[in-house]
Amino acid sequence: MTESAGPYTAHPRIMVLGVQPGTPPFRIVEIDGEVIGEAKAITDVLLAAAAFGITVHDLDDPDVVRWVGGDKHTWTLRR
């Protein structure tokens, strides 16, 4: 199977990694493959994107943001 025949995989500029333990728990944010900081809420992701000149209209668009280990509503550790 060629790469073009495979399923589409988005490569968004913003990637939000899984929840990390902390007080409060946080998620690491990468922009353009570089770790830029921690997010403790959705607003932190939006502020980080804006700081890099990225306007986010839809947090559920996989071409814009990739959520790893949960979605935009996942901000606590799963037990």
C-alpha atoms as a PDB file:
ATOM      1  CA  MET A   1       0.000   0.000   0.000  1.00  0.00           C
ATOM      2  CA  THR A   2       1.373   3.380  -0.893  1.00  0.00           C
ATOM      3  CA  GLU A   3       1.345   6.325   1.460  1.00  0.00           C
ATOM      4  CA  SER A   4      -1.229   8.128  -0.688  1.00  0.00           C
ATOM      5  CA  ALA A   5      -3.548   5.103  -0.460  1.00  0.00           C
ATOM      6  CA  GLY A   6      -3.423   5.078   3.356  1.00  0.00           C
ATOM      7  CA  PRO A   7      -5.772   6.884   5.709  1.00  0.00           C
ATOM      8  CA  TYR A   8      -5.399  10.647   6.039  1.00  0.00           C
ATOM      9  CA  THR A   9      -3.359  11.719   9.070  1.00  0.00           C
ATOM     10  CA  ALA A  10      -3.471  15.349  10.102  1.00  0.00           C
ATOM     11  CA  HIS A  11      -0.251  17.141  11.010  1.00  0.00           C
ATOM     12  CA  PRO A  12      -1.561  20.129  12.931  1.00  0.00           C
ATOM     13  CA  ARG A  13       0.711  22.888  14.196  1.00  0.00           C
ATOM     14  CA  ILE A  14      -0.656  22.467  17.746  1.00  0.00           C
ATOM     15  CA  MET A  15      -0.391  19.254  19.744  1.00  0.00           C
ATOM     16  CA  VAL A  16      -1.696  18.930  23.298  1.00  0.00           C
ATOM     17  CA  LEU A  17      -0.207  15.916  25.083  1.00  0.00           C
ATOM     18  CA  GLY A  18      -1.804  13.777  27.794  1.00  0.00           C
ATOM     19  CA  VAL A  19      -2.507  14.932  31.329  1.00  0.00           C
ATOM     20  CA  GLN A  20       0.529  15.039  33.638  1.00  0.00           C
ATOM     21  CA  PRO A  21       0.362  14.800  37.427  1.00  0.00           C
ATOM     22  CA  GLY A  22       0.675  18.091  39.240  1.00  0.00           C
ATOM     23  CA  THR A  23      -1.207  20.523  41.416  1.00  0.00           C
ATOM     24  CA  PRO A  24      -3.187  21.211  39.356  1.00  0.00           C
ATOM     25  CA  PRO A  25      -2.709  18.588  36.634  1.00  0.00           C
ATOM     26  CA  PHE A  26      -1.517  19.991  33.305  1.00  0.00           C
ATOM     27  CA  ARG A  27      -0.951  19.103  29.668  1.00  0.00           C
ATOM     28  CA  ILE A  28       2.171  19.878  27.666  1.00  0.00           C
ATOM     29  CA  VAL A  29       1.615  21.956  24.547  1.00  0.00           C
ATOM     30  CA  GLU A  30       3.748  21.693  21.424  1.00  0.00           C
ATOM     31  CA  ILE A  31       3.604  24.113  18.515  1.00  0.00           C
ATOM     32  CA  ASP A  32       5.388  23.265  15.282  1.00  0.00           C
ATOM     33  CA  GLY A  33       7.033  20.308  17.053  1.00  0.00           C
ATOM     34  CA  GLU A  34       8.530  22.410  19.841  1.00  0.00           C
ATOM     35  CA  VAL A  35       7.443  22.199  23.488  1.00  0.00           C
ATOM     36  CA  ILE A  36       6.243  25.689  24.368  1.00  0.00           C
ATOM     37  CA  GLY A  37       4.785  25.163  27.834  1.00  0.00           C
ATOM     38  CA  GLU A  38       2.036  23.786  30.023  1.00  0.00           C
ATOM     39  CA  ALA A  39      -1.704  24.196  29.780  1.00  0.00           C
ATOM     40  CA  LYS A  40      -4.014  23.821  32.741  1.00  0.00           C
ATOM     41  CA  ALA A  41      -7.165  24.655  30.746  1.00  0.00           C
ATOM     42  CA  ILE A  42      -8.415  25.227  27.200  1.00  0.00           C
ATOM     43  CA  THR A  43      -7.757  28.948  27.538  1.00  0.00           C
ATOM     44  CA  ASP A  44      -4.042  28.244  28.038  1.00  0.00           C
ATOM     45  CA  VAL A  45      -3.981  26.380  24.702  1.00  0.00           C
ATOM     46  CA  LEU A  46      -5.710  29.283  22.956  1.00  0.00           C
ATOM     47  CA  LEU A  47      -3.341  31.833  24.511  1.00  0.00           C
ATOM     48  CA  ALA A  48      -0.296  29.784  23.466  1.00  0.00           C
ATOM     49  CA  ALA A  49      -1.631  29.522  19.916  1.00  0.00           C
ATOM     50  CA  ALA A  50      -2.256  33.271  19.774  1.00  0.00           C
ATOM     51  CA  ALA A  51       1.291  33.956  20.991  1.00  0.00           C
ATOM     52  CA  PHE A  52       2.518  32.058  17.925  1.00  0.00           C
ATOM     53  CA  GLY A  53       0.128  33.868  15.584  1.00  0.00           C
ATOM     54  CA  ILE A  54      -2.285  30.953  15.252  1.00  0.00           C
ATOM     55  CA  THR A  55      -5.995  31.712  15.334  1.00  0.00           C
ATOM     56  CA  VAL A  56      -8.019  28.691  16.425  1.00  0.00           C
ATOM     57  CA  HIS A  57     -11.642  28.703  15.279  1.00  0.00           C
ATOM     58  CA  ASP A  58     -12.433  25.056  16.062  1.00  0.00           C
ATOM     59  CA  LEU A  59     -10.646  23.091  18.800  1.00  0.00           C
ATOM     60  CA  ASP A  60     -12.179  19.880  17.405  1.00  0.00           C
ATOM     61  CA  ASP A  61     -10.598  20.306  13.952  1.00  0.00           C
ATOM     62  CA  PRO A  62      -7.818  17.681  13.657  1.00  0.00           C
ATOM     63  CA  ASP A  63      -6.089  19.855  11.050  1.00  0.00           C
ATOM     64  CA  VAL A  64      -5.636  22.541  13.723  1.00  0.00           C
ATOM     65  CA  VAL A  65      -5.148  20.764  17.071  1.00  0.00           C
ATOM     66  CA  ARG A  66      -4.238  17.182  17.939  1.00  0.00           C
ATOM     67  CA  TRP A  67      -5.358  16.074  21.392  1.00  0.00           C
ATOM     68  CA  VAL A  68      -3.305  13.141  22.744  1.00  0.00           C
ATOM     69  CA  GLY A  69      -4.604  11.130  25.692  1.00  0.00           C
ATOM     70  CA  GLY A  70      -8.005  12.780  25.803  1.00  0.00           C
ATOM     71  CA  ASP A  71      -9.958  15.581  24.214  1.00  0.00           C
ATOM     72  CA  LYS A  72     -10.324  19.281  24.933  1.00  0.00           C
ATOM     73  CA  HIS A  73     -12.354  18.454  28.057  1.00  0.00           C
ATOM     74  CA  THR A  74      -9.726  16.136  29.603  1.00  0.00           C
ATOM     75  CA  TRP A  75      -7.792  18.033  32.269  1.00  0.00           C
ATOM     76  CA  THR A  76      -7.552  15.506  35.122  1.00  0.00           C
ATOM     77  CA  LEU A  77      -5.773  12.170  35.420  1.00  0.00           C
ATOM     78  CA  ARG A  78      -7.876   9.120  34.661  1.00  0.00           C
ATOM     79  CA  ARG A  79      -7.947   6.442  37.342  1.00  0.00           C
END
